[in-house]
Amino acid sequence: MSDRLIVRSESATRDVEAAAEHYYLSESPAANTQRFLTAVEEAYLHISRLPASGSPHYGQVLGIAGLRSWPIKGFPYRAFYIEADRHIDIVRVLHTARDIPDSLTEGIED
């Protein structure tokens, strides 16, 4: 099976940029920012190869068909996505301390 194309929503792109900026402003800016961005790309790669492996929890709770999530390794973030026929839509990348249901509802509307 080949990797599926990853399509990032505007909300997901903004989420990653905001998190990267947060890590850039930390004590070790270059290292933390690069580690975060690498972890995001690794999560996307995993999702593209094994989309069904993500947790369907929030999709079930919110009644959003096909919504799954996958953790960003080493960081308190999850990538939320929906599998389409030929690609994967990344809808949000959210910090786990956020109000995820509210944030997801906003992001799905983009």
PDB file of N, CA and C in Angstrom:
ATOM      1  N   MET A   1       0.844  -1.186   0.000  1.00  0.00           N
ATOM      2  CA  MET A   1       0.000   0.000   0.000  1.00  0.00           C
ATOM      3  C   MET A   1       0.884   1.243   0.000  1.00  0.00           C
ATOM      4  N   SER A   2       0.533   2.202  -0.822  1.00  0.00           N
ATOM      5  CA  SER A   2       1.346   3.411  -0.900  1.00  0.00           C
ATOM      6  C   SER A   2       0.841   4.467   0.081  1.00  0.00           C
ATOM      7  N   ASP A   3       1.720   5.412   0.347  1.00  0.00           N
ATOM      8  CA  ASP A   3       1.364   6.509   1.243  1.00  0.00           C
ATOM      9  C   ASP A   3       0.270   7.352   0.606  1.00  0.00           C
ATOM     10  N   ARG A   4      -0.649   7.813   1.432  1.00  0.00           N
ATOM     11  CA  ARG A   4      -1.729   8.677   0.963  1.00  0.00           C
ATOM     12  C   ARG A   4      -1.256  10.125   1.017  1.00  0.00           C
ATOM     13  N   LEU A   5      -1.765  10.933   0.127  1.00  0.00           N
ATOM     14  CA  LEU A   5      -1.467  12.359   0.110  1.00  0.00           C
ATOM     15  C   LEU A   5      -2.053  13.014   1.355  1.00  0.00           C
ATOM     16  N   ILE A   6      -1.261  13.851   2.010  1.00  0.00           N
ATOM     17  CA  ILE A   6      -1.709  14.605   3.177  1.00  0.00           C
ATOM     18  C   ILE A   6      -2.095  16.009   2.721  1.00  0.00           C
ATOM     19  N   VAL A   7      -3.314  16.419   3.044  1.00  0.00           N
ATOM     20  CA  VAL A   7      -3.804  17.758   2.721  1.00  0.00           C
ATOM     21  C   VAL A   7      -4.056  18.472   4.046  1.00  0.00           C
ATOM     22  N   ARG A   8      -3.323  19.554   4.263  1.00  0.00           N
ATOM     23  CA  ARG A   8      -3.424  20.312   5.516  1.00  0.00           C
ATOM     24  C   ARG A   8      -4.440  21.441   5.367  1.00  0.00           C
ATOM     25  N   SER A   9      -5.377  21.518   6.296  1.00  0.00           N
ATOM     26  CA  SER A   9      -6.331  22.639   6.276  1.00  0.00           C
ATOM     27  C   SER A   9      -5.614  23.913   6.721  1.00  0.00           C
ATOM     28  N   GLU A  10      -6.233  25.043   6.462  1.00  0.00           N
ATOM     29  CA  GLU A  10      -5.667  26.312   6.933  1.00  0.00           C
ATOM     30  C   GLU A  10      -5.577  26.317   8.453  1.00  0.00           C
ATOM     31  N   SER A  11      -6.588  25.757   9.114  1.00  0.00           N
ATOM     32  CA  SER A  11      -6.573  25.707  10.583  1.00  0.00           C
ATOM     33  C   SER A  11      -5.410  24.873  11.093  1.00  0.00           C
ATOM     34  N   ALA A  12      -5.169  23.719  10.470  1.00  0.00           N
ATOM     35  CA  ALA A  12      -4.055  22.858  10.888  1.00  0.00           C
ATOM     36  C   ALA A  12      -2.725  23.560  10.668  1.00  0.00           C
ATOM     37  N   THR A  13      -2.587  24.248   9.555  1.00  0.00           N
ATOM     38  CA  THR A  13      -1.354  24.987   9.277  1.00  0.00           C
ATOM     39  C   THR A  13      -1.138  26.078  10.323  1.00  0.00           C
ATOM     40  N   ARG A  14      -2.182  26.806  10.648  1.00  0.00           N
ATOM     41  CA  ARG A  14      -2.078  27.842  11.695  1.00  0.00           C
ATOM     42  C   ARG A  14      -1.737  27.224  13.050  1.00  0.00           C
ATOM     43  N   ASP A  15      -2.333  26.068  13.360  1.00  0.00           N
ATOM     44  CA  ASP A  15      -2.045  25.391  14.630  1.00  0.00           C
ATOM     45  C   ASP A  15      -0.557  25.052  14.746  1.00  0.00           C
ATOM     46  N   VAL A  16       0.002  24.486  13.680  1.00  0.00           N
ATOM     47  CA  VAL A  16       1.420  24.088  13.689  1.00  0.00           C
ATOM     48  C   VAL A  16       2.305  25.324  13.777  1.00  0.00           C
ATOM     49  N   GLU A  17       1.974  26.369  13.029  1.00  0.00           N
ATOM     50  CA  GLU A  17       2.770  27.605  13.083  1.00  0.00           C
ATOM     51  C   GLU A  17       2.755  28.219  14.481  1.00  0.00           C
ATOM     52  N   ALA A  18       1.588  28.237  15.129  1.00  0.00           N
ATOM     53  CA  ALA A  18       1.486  28.805  16.480  1.00  0.00           C
ATOM     54  C   ALA A  18       2.292  27.978  17.480  1.00  0.00           C
ATOM     55  N   ALA A  19       2.225  26.668  17.366  1.00  0.00           N
ATOM     56  CA  ALA A  19       2.992  25.808  18.274  1.00  0.00           C
ATOM     57  C   ALA A  19       4.486  25.969  18.030  1.00  0.00           C
ATOM     58  N   ALA A  20       4.893  26.040  16.767  1.00  0.00           N
ATOM     59  CA  ALA A  20       6.308  26.222  16.454  1.00  0.00           C
ATOM     60  C   ALA A  20       6.806  27.554  17.011  1.00  0.00           C
ATOM     61  N   GLU A  21       5.978  28.591  16.907  1.00  0.00           N
ATOM     62  CA  GLU A  21       6.356  29.893  17.468  1.00  0.00           C
ATOM     63  C   GLU A  21       6.510  29.793  18.990  1.00  0.00           C
ATOM     64  N   HIS A  22       5.616  29.077  19.627  1.00  0.00           N
ATOM     65  CA  HIS A  22       5.716  28.868  21.078  1.00  0.00           C
ATOM     66  C   HIS A  22       7.041  28.195  21.421  1.00  0.00           C
ATOM     67  N   TYR A  23       7.393  27.144  20.693  1.00  0.00           N
ATOM     68  CA  TYR A  23       8.647  26.451  20.976  1.00  0.00           C
ATOM     69  C   TYR A  23       9.850  27.313  20.615  1.00  0.00           C
ATOM     70  N   TYR A  24       9.723  28.167  19.614  1.00  0.00           N
ATOM     71  CA  TYR A  24      10.809  29.059  19.240  1.00  0.00           C
ATOM     72  C   TYR A  24      11.107  30.060  20.353  1.00  0.00           C
ATOM     73  N   LEU A  25      10.079  30.430  21.098  1.00  0.00           N
ATOM     74  CA  LEU A  25      10.242  31.395  22.185  1.00  0.00           C
ATOM     75  C   LEU A  25      10.704  30.735  23.491  1.00  0.00           C
ATOM     76  N   SER A  26      10.927  29.432  23.460  1.00  0.00           N
ATOM     77  CA  SER A  26      11.363  28.718  24.665  1.00  0.00           C
ATOM     78  C   SER A  26      12.877  28.834  24.851  1.00  0.00           C
ATOM     79  N   GLU A  27      13.417  28.102  25.824  1.00  0.00           N
ATOM     80  CA  GLU A  27      14.836  28.214  26.175  1.00  0.00           C
ATOM     81  C   GLU A  27      15.799  27.775  25.073  1.00  0.00           C
ATOM     82  N   SER A  28      15.425  26.771  24.323  1.00  0.00           N
ATOM     83  CA  SER A  28      16.303  26.255  23.268  1.00  0.00           C
ATOM     84  C   SER A  28      15.556  26.325  21.945  1.00  0.00           C
ATOM     85  N   PRO A  29      15.420  27.536  21.395  1.00  0.00           N
ATOM     86  CA  PRO A  29      14.495  27.757  20.285  1.00  0.00           C
ATOM     87  C   PRO A  29      14.702  26.891  19.046  1.00  0.00           C
ATOM     88  N   ALA A  30      15.882  26.839  18.522  1.00  0.00           N
ATOM     89  CA  ALA A  30      16.091  26.097  17.276  1.00  0.00           C
ATOM     90  C   ALA A  30      15.854  24.610  17.476  1.00  0.00           C
ATOM     91  N   ALA A  31      16.386  24.062  18.550  1.00  0.00           N
ATOM     92  CA  ALA A  31      16.251  22.626  18.802  1.00  0.00           C
ATOM     93  C   ALA A  31      14.802  22.241  19.049  1.00  0.00           C
ATOM     94  N   ASN A  32      14.116  22.988  19.897  1.00  0.00           N
ATOM     95  CA  ASN A  32      12.724  22.660  20.210  1.00  0.00           C
ATOM     96  C   ASN A  32      11.811  22.818  19.009  1.00  0.00           C
ATOM     97  N   THR A  33      11.990  23.882  18.271  1.00  0.00           N
ATOM     98  CA  THR A  33      11.163  24.122  17.092  1.00  0.00           C
ATOM     99  C   THR A  33      11.384  23.027  16.065  1.00  0.00           C
ATOM    100  N   GLN A  34      12.632  22.689  15.789  1.00  0.00           N
ATOM    101  CA  GLN A  34      12.918  21.651  14.800  1.00  0.00           C
ATOM    102  C   GLN A  34      12.417  20.287  15.257  1.00  0.00           C
ATOM    103  N   ARG A  35      12.573  19.978  16.544  1.00  0.00           N
ATOM    104  CA  ARG A  35      12.071  18.691  17.057  1.00  0.00           C
ATOM    105  C   ARG A  35      10.558  18.614  16.895  1.00  0.00           C
ATOM    106  N   PHE A  36       9.862  19.706  17.195  1.00  0.00           N
ATOM    107  CA  PHE A  36       8.412  19.727  17.052  1.00  0.00           C
ATOM    108  C   PHE A  36       8.003  19.537  15.595  1.00  0.00           C
ATOM    109  N   LEU A  37       8.603  20.308  14.700  1.00  0.00           N
ATOM    110  CA  LEU A  37       8.243  20.205  13.282  1.00  0.00           C
ATOM    111  C   LEU A  37       8.550  18.825  12.721  1.00  0.00           C
ATOM    112  N   THR A  38       9.653  18.227  13.151  1.00  0.00           N
ATOM    113  CA  THR A  38       9.986  16.868  12.728  1.00  0.00           C
ATOM    114  C   THR A  38       8.957  15.874  13.254  1.00  0.00           C
ATOM    115  N   ALA A  39       8.554  16.028  14.510  1.00  0.00           N
ATOM    116  CA  ALA A  39       7.554  15.141  15.095  1.00  0.00           C
ATOM    117  C   ALA A  39       6.208  15.258  14.372  1.00  0.00           C
ATOM    118  N   VAL A  40       5.843  16.466  13.958  1.00  0.00           N
ATOM    119  CA  VAL A  40       4.605  16.659  13.199  1.00  0.00           C
ATOM    120  C   VAL A  40       4.698  15.922  11.866  1.00  0.00           C
ATOM    121  N   GLU A  41       5.811  16.092  11.157  1.00  0.00           N
ATOM    122  CA  GLU A  41       5.973  15.415   9.872  1.00  0.00           C
ATOM    123  C   GLU A  41       5.983  13.898  10.028  1.00  0.00           C
ATOM    124  N   GLU A  42       6.589  13.399  11.105  1.00  0.00           N
ATOM    125  CA  GLU A  42       6.580  11.949  11.361  1.00  0.00           C
ATOM    126  C   GLU A  42       5.160  11.456  11.633  1.00  0.00           C
ATOM    127  N   ALA A  43       4.377  12.248  12.354  1.00  0.00           N
ATOM    128  CA  ALA A  43       2.980  11.877  12.596  1.00  0.00           C
ATOM    129  C   ALA A  43       2.204  11.853  11.284  1.00  0.00           C
ATOM    130  N   TYR A  44       2.408  12.856  10.444  1.00  0.00           N
ATOM    131  CA  TYR A  44       1.740  12.887   9.143  1.00  0.00           C
ATOM    132  C   TYR A  44       2.131  11.672   8.299  1.00  0.00           C
ATOM    133  N   LEU A  45       3.396  11.295   8.329  1.00  0.00           N
ATOM    134  CA  LEU A  45       3.849  10.135   7.565  1.00  0.00           C
ATOM    135  C   LEU A  45       3.147   8.872   8.062  1.00  0.00           C
ATOM    136  N   HIS A  46       3.078   8.711   9.375  1.00  0.00           N
ATOM    137  CA  HIS A  46       2.392   7.556   9.941  1.00  0.00           C
ATOM    138  C   HIS A  46       0.927   7.539   9.493  1.00  0.00           C
ATOM    139  N   ILE A  47       0.267   8.680   9.610  1.00  0.00           N
ATOM    140  CA  ILE A  47      -1.140   8.785   9.222  1.00  0.00           C
ATOM    141  C   ILE A  47      -1.314   8.441   7.744  1.00  0.00           C
ATOM    142  N   SER A  48      -0.398   8.899   6.905  1.00  0.00           N
ATOM    143  CA  SER A  48      -0.514   8.639   5.464  1.00  0.00           C
ATOM    144  C   SER A  48      -0.369   7.152   5.146  1.00  0.00           C
ATOM    145  N   ARG A  49       0.371   6.441   5.980  1.00  0.00           N
ATOM    146  CA  ARG A  49       0.596   5.006   5.747  1.00  0.00           C
ATOM    147  C   ARG A  49      -0.481   4.134   6.401  1.00  0.00           C
ATOM    148  N   LEU A  50      -0.916   4.542   7.581  1.00  0.00           N
ATOM    149  CA  LEU A  50      -1.867   3.734   8.359  1.00  0.00           C
ATOM    150  C   LEU A  50      -2.993   4.604   8.921  1.00  0.00           C
ATOM    151  N   PRO A  51      -3.826   5.159   8.069  1.00  0.00           N
ATOM    152  CA  PRO A  51      -4.843   6.098   8.545  1.00  0.00           C
ATOM    153  C   PRO A  51      -5.835   5.499   9.545  1.00  0.00           C
ATOM    154  N   ALA A  52      -6.112   4.217   9.445  1.00  0.00           N
ATOM    155  CA  ALA A  52      -7.087   3.592  10.346  1.00  0.00           C
ATOM    156  C   ALA A  52      -6.538   3.376  11.752  1.00  0.00           C
ATOM    157  N   SER A  53      -5.243   3.632  11.960  1.00  0.00           N
ATOM    158  CA  SER A  53      -4.644   3.383  13.276  1.00  0.00           C
ATOM    159  C   SER A  53      -4.917   4.489  14.282  1.00  0.00           C
ATOM    160  N   GLY A  54      -5.405   5.630  13.837  1.00  0.00           N
ATOM    161  CA  GLY A  54      -5.686   6.726  14.751  1.00  0.00           C
ATOM    162  C   GLY A  54      -6.927   6.468  15.595  1.00  0.00           C
ATOM    163  N   SER A  55      -7.005   7.160  16.713  1.00  0.00           N
ATOM    164  CA  SER A  55      -8.138   7.010  17.618  1.00  0.00           C
ATOM    165  C   SER A  55      -9.390   7.678  17.046  1.00  0.00           C
ATOM    166  N   PRO A  56     -10.517   6.971  17.044  1.00  0.00           N
ATOM    167  CA  PRO A  56     -11.780   7.562  16.584  1.00  0.00           C
ATOM    168  C   PRO A  56     -12.569   8.243  17.709  1.00  0.00           C
ATOM    169  N   HIS A  57     -11.982   8.350  18.902  1.00  0.00           N
ATOM    170  CA  HIS A  57     -12.699   8.834  20.087  1.00  0.00           C
ATOM    171  C   HIS A  57     -13.458  10.148  19.850  1.00  0.00           C
ATOM    172  N   TYR A  58     -12.755  11.197  19.446  1.00  0.00           N
ATOM    173  CA  TYR A  58     -13.418  12.501  19.300  1.00  0.00           C
ATOM    174  C   TYR A  58     -14.435  12.493  18.160  1.00  0.00           C
ATOM    175  N   GLY A  59     -14.178  11.739  17.122  1.00  0.00           N
ATOM    176  CA  GLY A  59     -15.152  11.619  16.042  1.00  0.00           C
ATOM    177  C   GLY A  59     -16.453  11.027  16.542  1.00  0.00           C
ATOM    178  N   GLN A  60     -16.334  10.001  17.393  1.00  0.00           N
ATOM    179  CA  GLN A  60     -17.526   9.371  17.962  1.00  0.00           C
ATOM    180  C   GLN A  60     -18.240  10.320  18.917  1.00  0.00           C
ATOM    181  N   VAL A  61     -17.477  10.971  19.791  1.00  0.00           N
ATOM    182  CA  VAL A  61     -18.064  11.884  20.779  1.00  0.00           C
ATOM    183  C   VAL A  61     -18.784  13.049  20.097  1.00  0.00           C
ATOM    184  N   LEU A  62     -18.171  13.598  19.043  1.00  0.00           N
ATOM    185  CA  LEU A  62     -18.721  14.776  18.382  1.00  0.00           C
ATOM    186  C   LEU A  62     -19.642  14.453  17.206  1.00  0.00           C
ATOM    187  N   GLY A  63     -19.730  13.180  16.861  1.00  0.00           N
ATOM    188  CA  GLY A  63     -20.556  12.796  15.720  1.00  0.00           C
ATOM    189  C   GLY A  63     -19.991  13.257  14.390  1.00  0.00           C
ATOM    190  N   ILE A  64     -18.656  13.305  14.281  1.00  0.00           N
ATOM    191  CA  ILE A  64     -18.007  13.701  13.033  1.00  0.00           C
ATOM    192  C   ILE A  64     -17.494  12.433  12.360  1.00  0.00           C
ATOM    193  N   ALA A  65     -18.173  12.019  11.316  1.00  0.00           N
ATOM    194  CA  ALA A  65     -17.857  10.763  10.647  1.00  0.00           C
ATOM    195  C   ALA A  65     -16.416  10.738  10.151  1.00  0.00           C
ATOM    196  N   GLY A  66     -15.706   9.678  10.505  1.00  0.00           N
ATOM    197  CA  GLY A  66     -14.356   9.458  10.003  1.00  0.00           C
ATOM    198  C   GLY A  66     -13.258  10.227  10.714  1.00  0.00           C
ATOM    199  N   LEU A  67     -13.594  11.071  11.674  1.00  0.00           N
ATOM    200  CA  LEU A  67     -12.559  11.849  12.363  1.00  0.00           C
ATOM    201  C   LEU A  67     -11.740  10.939  13.267  1.00  0.00           C
ATOM    202  N   ARG A  68     -10.414  11.034  13.129  1.00  0.00           N
ATOM    203  CA  ARG A  68      -9.477  10.275  13.955  1.00  0.00           C
ATOM    204  C   ARG A  68      -8.382  11.214  14.432  1.00  0.00           C
ATOM    205  N   SER A  69      -7.584  10.740  15.392  1.00  0.00           N
ATOM    206  CA  SER A  69      -6.446  11.548  15.844  1.00  0.00           C
ATOM    207  C   SER A  69      -5.246  10.656  16.095  1.00  0.00           C
ATOM    208  N   TRP A  70      -4.075  11.278  15.984  1.00  0.00           N
ATOM    209  CA  TRP A  70      -2.812  10.592  16.209  1.00  0.00           C
ATOM    210  C   TRP A  70      -1.908  11.523  17.022  1.00  0.00           C
ATOM    211  N   PRO A  71      -1.207  11.001  18.039  1.00  0.00           N
ATOM    212  CA  PRO A  71      -0.349  11.869  18.862  1.00  0.00           C
ATOM    213  C   PRO A  71       0.896  12.345  18.122  1.00  0.00           C
ATOM    214  N   ILE A  72       1.343  13.535  18.490  1.00  0.00           N
ATOM    215  CA  ILE A  72       2.616  14.067  18.013  1.00  0.00           C
ATOM    216  C   ILE A  72       3.647  13.620  19.056  1.00  0.00           C
ATOM    217  N   LYS A  73       4.468  12.669  18.683  1.00  0.00           N
ATOM    218  CA  LYS A  73       5.390  12.025  19.628  1.00  0.00           C
ATOM    219  C   LYS A  73       6.315  13.043  20.307  1.00  0.00           C
ATOM    220  N   GLY A  74       6.319  12.983  21.646  1.00  0.00           N
ATOM    221  CA  GLY A  74       7.204  13.839  22.427  1.00  0.00           C
ATOM    222  C   GLY A  74       6.640  15.208  22.746  1.00  0.00           C
ATOM    223  N   PHE A  75       5.428  15.482  22.293  1.00  0.00           N
ATOM    224  CA  PHE A  75       4.799  16.782  22.507  1.00  0.00           C
ATOM    225  C   PHE A  75       3.331  16.582  22.877  1.00  0.00           C
ATOM    226  N   PRO A  76       2.759  17.502  23.639  1.00  0.00           N
ATOM    227  CA  PRO A  76       1.362  17.353  24.060  1.00  0.00           C
ATOM    228  C   PRO A  76       0.369  17.837  22.992  1.00  0.00           C
ATOM    229  N   TYR A  77       0.499  17.303  21.790  1.00  0.00           N
ATOM    230  CA  TYR A  77      -0.355  17.671  20.663  1.00  0.00           C
ATOM    231  C   TYR A  77      -0.875  16.410  19.988  1.00  0.00           C
ATOM    232  N   ARG A  78      -2.016  16.558  19.327  1.00  0.00           N
ATOM    233  CA  ARG A  78      -2.582  15.487  18.513  1.00  0.00           C
ATOM    234  C   ARG A  78      -2.959  16.062  17.157  1.00  0.00           C
ATOM    235  N   ALA A  79      -2.746  15.276  16.110  1.00  0.00           N
ATOM    236  CA  ALA A  79      -3.185  15.638  14.766  1.00  0.00           C
ATOM    237  C   ALA A  79      -4.561  15.005  14.556  1.00  0.00           C
ATOM    238  N   PHE A  80      -5.518  15.809  14.136  1.00  0.00           N
ATOM    239  CA  PHE A  80      -6.874  15.337  13.884  1.00  0.00           C
ATOM    240  C   PHE A  80      -7.091  15.316  12.378  1.00  0.00           C
ATOM    241  N   TYR A  81      -7.651  14.226  11.886  1.00  0.00           N
ATOM    242  CA  TYR A  81      -7.741  14.051  10.436  1.00  0.00           C
ATOM    243  C   TYR A  81      -8.948  13.220  10.038  1.00  0.00           C
ATOM    244  N   ILE A  82      -9.287  13.334   8.754  1.00  0.00           N
ATOM    245  CA  ILE A  82     -10.369  12.558   8.156  1.00  0.00           C
ATOM    246  C   ILE A  82      -9.816  11.931   6.883  1.00  0.00           C
ATOM    247  N   GLU A  83     -10.028  10.635   6.757  1.00  0.00           N
ATOM    248  CA  GLU A  83      -9.569   9.903   5.576  1.00  0.00           C
ATOM    249  C   GLU A  83     -10.594  10.070   4.448  1.00  0.00           C
ATOM    250  N   ALA A  84     -10.137  10.539   3.310  1.00  0.00           N
ATOM    251  CA  ALA A  84     -10.975  10.637   2.113  1.00  0.00           C
ATOM    252  C   ALA A  84     -10.579   9.510   1.164  1.00  0.00           C
ATOM    253  N   ASP A  85     -11.189   9.428   0.003  1.00  0.00           N
ATOM    254  CA  ASP A  85     -10.903   8.336  -0.925  1.00  0.00           C
ATOM    255  C   ASP A  85      -9.435   8.265  -1.339  1.00  0.00           C
ATOM    256  N   ARG A  86      -8.851   9.413  -1.671  1.00  0.00           N
ATOM    257  CA  ARG A  86      -7.487   9.405  -2.212  1.00  0.00           C
ATOM    258  C   ARG A  86      -6.486  10.215  -1.404  1.00  0.00           C
ATOM    259  N   HIS A  87      -6.928  10.779  -0.295  1.00  0.00           N
ATOM    260  CA  HIS A  87      -6.024  11.597   0.514  1.00  0.00           C
ATOM    261  C   HIS A  87      -6.488  11.603   1.967  1.00  0.00           C
ATOM    262  N   ILE A  88      -5.697  12.259   2.799  1.00  0.00           N
ATOM    263  CA  ILE A  88      -6.022  12.435   4.209  1.00  0.00           C
ATOM    264  C   ILE A  88      -6.114  13.938   4.470  1.00  0.00           C
ATOM    265  N   ASP A  89      -7.238  14.380   5.019  1.00  0.00           N
ATOM    266  CA  ASP A  89      -7.403  15.789   5.388  1.00  0.00           C
ATOM    267  C   ASP A  89      -6.986  15.968   6.836  1.00  0.00           C
ATOM    268  N   ILE A  90      -5.903  16.732   7.063  1.00  0.00           N
ATOM    269  CA  ILE A  90      -5.512  17.106   8.417  1.00  0.00           C
ATOM    270  C   ILE A  90      -6.337  18.343   8.755  1.00  0.00           C
ATOM    271  N   VAL A  91      -7.232  18.212   9.734  1.00  0.00           N
ATOM    272  CA  VAL A  91      -8.137  19.329  10.026  1.00  0.00           C
ATOM    273  C   VAL A  91      -7.633  20.236  11.140  1.00  0.00           C
ATOM    274  N   ARG A  92      -6.956  19.676  12.134  1.00  0.00           N
ATOM    275  CA  ARG A  92      -6.391  20.481  13.220  1.00  0.00           C
ATOM    276  C   ARG A  92      -5.193  19.752  13.812  1.00  0.00           C
ATOM    277  N   VAL A  93      -4.309  20.510  14.466  1.00  0.00           N
ATOM    278  CA  VAL A  93      -3.218  19.972  15.282  1.00  0.00           C
ATOM    279  C   VAL A  93      -3.323  20.724  16.601  1.00  0.00           C
ATOM    280  N   LEU A  94      -3.838  20.041  17.621  1.00  0.00           N
ATOM    281  CA  LEU A  94      -4.234  20.732  18.849  1.00  0.00           C
ATOM    282  C   LEU A  94      -3.451  20.259  20.063  1.00  0.00           C
ATOM    283  N   HIS A  95      -3.173  21.221  20.944  1.00  0.00           N
ATOM    284  CA  HIS A  95      -2.572  20.918  22.238  1.00  0.00           C
ATOM    285  C   HIS A  95      -3.609  20.155  23.044  1.00  0.00           C
ATOM    286  N   THR A  96      -3.188  19.125  23.746  1.00  0.00           N
ATOM    287  CA  THR A  96      -4.130  18.269  24.462  1.00  0.00           C
ATOM    288  C   THR A  96      -4.785  18.957  25.659  1.00  0.00           C
ATOM    289  N   ALA A  97      -4.264  20.098  26.095  1.00  0.00           N
ATOM    290  CA  ALA A  97      -4.869  20.829  27.209  1.00  0.00           C
ATOM    291  C   ALA A  97      -5.988  21.766  26.742  1.00  0.00           C
ATOM    292  N   ARG A  98      -6.138  21.921  25.433  1.00  0.00           N
ATOM    293  CA  ARG A  98      -7.191  22.800  24.903  1.00  0.00           C
ATOM    294  C   ARG A  98      -8.555  22.156  25.058  1.00  0.00           C
ATOM    295  N   ASP A  99      -9.580  22.943  24.850  1.00  0.00           N
ATOM    296  CA  ASP A  99     -10.936  22.414  24.772  1.00  0.00           C
ATOM    297  C   ASP A  99     -11.062  21.813  23.369  1.00  0.00           C
ATOM    298  N   ILE A 100     -10.722  20.562  23.266  1.00  0.00           N
ATOM    299  CA  ILE A 100     -10.638  19.925  21.949  1.00  0.00           C
ATOM    300  C   ILE A 100     -11.983  19.921  21.223  1.00  0.00           C
ATOM    301  N   PRO A 101     -13.095  19.557  21.862  1.00  0.00           N
ATOM    302  CA  PRO A 101     -14.361  19.592  21.117  1.00  0.00           C
ATOM    303  C   PRO A 101     -14.675  20.967  20.516  1.00  0.00           C
ATOM    304  N   ASP A 102     -14.506  22.041  21.278  1.00  0.00           N
ATOM    305  CA  ASP A 102     -14.750  23.382  20.734  1.00  0.00           C
ATOM    306  C   ASP A 102     -13.800  23.699  19.589  1.00  0.00           C
ATOM    307  N   SER A 103     -12.526  23.387  19.765  1.00  0.00           N
ATOM    308  CA  SER A 103     -11.521  23.674  18.743  1.00  0.00           C
ATOM    309  C   SER A 103     -11.774  22.880  17.469  1.00  0.00           C
ATOM    310  N   LEU A 104     -12.184  21.631  17.618  1.00  0.00           N
ATOM    311  CA  LEU A 104     -12.446  20.802  16.448  1.00  0.00           C
ATOM    312  C   LEU A 104     -13.664  21.310  15.683  1.00  0.00           C
ATOM    313  N   THR A 105     -14.667  21.696  16.400  1.00  0.00           N
ATOM    314  CA  THR A 105     -15.866  22.206  15.736  1.00  0.00           C
ATOM    315  C   THR A 105     -15.531  23.426  14.890  1.00  0.00           C
ATOM    316  N   GLU A 106     -14.665  24.301  15.415  1.00  0.00           N
ATOM    317  CA  GLU A 106     -14.229  25.480  14.639  1.00  0.00           C
ATOM    318  C   GLU A 106     -13.420  25.047  13.429  1.00  0.00           C
ATOM    319  N   GLY A 107     -12.493  24.106  13.585  1.00  0.00           N
ATOM    320  CA  GLY A 107     -11.592  23.706  12.517  1.00  0.00           C
ATOM    321  C   GLY A 107     -12.250  22.952  11.395  1.00  0.00           C
ATOM    322  N   ILE A 108     -13.258  22.168  11.693  1.00  0.00           N
ATOM    323  CA  ILE A 108     -13.944  21.380  10.665  1.00  0.00           C
ATOM    324  C   ILE A 108     -14.688  22.284   9.698  1.00  0.00           C
ATOM    325  N   GLU A 109     -15.068  23.467  10.151  1.00  0.00           N
ATOM    326  CA  GLU A 109     -15.829  24.375   9.315  1.00  0.00           C
ATOM    327  C   GLU A 109     -14.986  25.076   8.263  1.00  0.00           C
ATOM    328  N   ASP A 110     -13.634  25.009   8.371  1.00  0.00           N
ATOM    329  CA  ASP A 110     -12.758  25.673   7.381  1.00  0.00           C
ATOM    330  C   ASP A 110     -12.893  25.037   6.017  1.00  0.00           C
TER     331      ASP A 110
END
